Amino acid sequence: MARSPKQLELKFAEQLGMIITTLRVIMCSSLPLLSYFMGSITQLFVSKAASQSHFSIDCEENMLDSVSNAANVAAQKHFRQIQHMC
């Protein structure tokens, strides 16, 4: 059974439509789940950074009593920045 080019073109268009519909279903069903996880991860990092900044401010206020302690705090800040880049 030989098919005409028109029949092959219609069959290809039908299969392409089915593939696109399948991709739409997959994307629409997975995007809400993906956005939920991304939001949760972002919220986790933001809350962790906020809690660390409050702790470091309290520690720095207590440690700034002498000049040597101030130098230590500056050195710790410097090394903390290097660790975050790696």
Protein backbone atom coordinates (compact mmCIF):
# COMPACT_ATOMS: atom_id res chain seq x y z
CA MET A 1 0.00 0.00 0.00
CA ALA A 2 1.72 3.09 -1.19
CA ARG A 3 0.67 6.31 0.45
CA SER A 4 0.48 9.55 -1.39
CA PRO A 5 2.59 12.51 -0.23
CA LYS A 6 -0.60 14.24 0.95
CA GLN A 7 -1.51 11.26 3.16
CA LEU A 8 2.01 11.16 4.59
CA GLU A 9 1.87 14.87 5.29
CA LEU A 10 -1.45 14.53 7.12
CA LYS A 11 -0.15 11.57 9.13
CA PHE A 12 2.98 13.53 10.07
CA ALA A 13 0.88 16.55 11.12
CA GLU A 14 -1.33 14.29 13.24
CA GLN A 15 1.66 12.69 14.98
CA LEU A 16 3.28 16.07 15.53
CA GLY A 17 0.07 17.36 17.09
CA MET A 18 -0.02 14.39 19.45
CA ILE A 19 3.60 14.97 20.47
CA ILE A 20 2.96 18.66 21.13
CA THR A 21 -0.14 17.83 23.19
CA THR A 22 1.86 15.32 25.23
CA LEU A 23 4.60 17.88 25.86
CA ARG A 24 2.01 20.44 26.97
CA VAL A 25 0.55 18.00 29.48
CA ILE A 26 3.99 17.13 30.83
CA MET A 27 5.07 20.78 31.13
CA CYS A 28 1.84 21.99 32.70
CA SER A 29 1.78 19.20 35.26
CA SER A 30 5.44 19.56 36.28
CA LEU A 31 5.79 23.36 36.39
CA PRO A 32 3.68 23.90 39.53
CA LEU A 33 5.65 21.22 41.32
CA LEU A 34 8.96 22.70 40.15
CA SER A 35 7.95 26.21 41.22
CA TYR A 36 6.91 24.88 44.64
CA PHE A 37 10.32 23.29 45.20
CA MET A 38 12.18 26.37 43.94
CA GLY A 39 10.12 28.57 46.27
CA SER A 40 10.82 26.28 49.21
CA ILE A 41 14.55 26.21 48.52
CA THR A 42 14.67 29.99 48.14
CA GLN A 43 12.75 30.47 51.37
CA LEU A 44 15.11 28.10 53.17
CA PHE A 45 18.22 30.00 52.05
CA VAL A 46 16.69 33.40 52.83
CA SER A 47 15.65 32.36 56.33
CA LYS A 48 19.06 30.79 56.96
CA ALA A 49 20.89 33.94 55.83
CA ALA A 50 18.61 36.13 57.95
CA SER A 51 19.22 34.06 61.08
CA GLN A 52 22.99 34.09 60.52
CA SER A 53 23.13 37.85 60.05
CA HIS A 54 21.34 38.49 63.37
CA PHE A 55 23.73 36.15 65.15
CA SER A 56 26.82 37.76 63.66
CA ILE A 57 25.61 41.27 64.52
CA ASP A 58 25.08 40.28 68.17
CA CYS A 59 28.51 38.64 68.34
CA GLU A 60 30.23 41.60 66.73
CA GLU A 61 28.66 44.06 69.18
CA ASN A 62 29.94 42.01 72.12
CA MET A 63 33.43 41.56 70.66
CA LEU A 64 34.18 45.20 69.79
CA ASP A 65 35.41 46.01 73.31
CA SER A 66 39.07 46.21 72.44
CA VAL A 67 41.18 46.99 69.40
CA SER A 68 42.51 43.44 69.13
CA ASN A 69 39.00 42.04 69.10
CA ALA A 70 38.05 44.50 66.37
CA ALA A 71 40.99 43.30 64.26
CA ASN A 72 39.90 39.69 64.79
CA VAL A 73 36.36 40.51 63.68
CA ALA A 74 37.69 42.17 60.52
CA ALA A 75 39.85 39.14 59.74
CA GLN A 76 36.92 36.79 60.30
CA LYS A 77 34.74 38.83 57.93
CA HIS A 78 37.47 38.69 55.30
CA PHE A 79 37.85 34.91 55.51
CA ARG A 80 34.07 34.41 55.59
CA GLN A 81 33.79 36.25 52.26
CA ILE A 82 36.44 34.02 50.67
CA GLN A 83 34.62 30.88 51.82
CA HIS A 84 31.34 32.05 50.28
CA MET A 85 32.98 32.52 46.87
CA CYS A 86 34.32 28.95 46.73
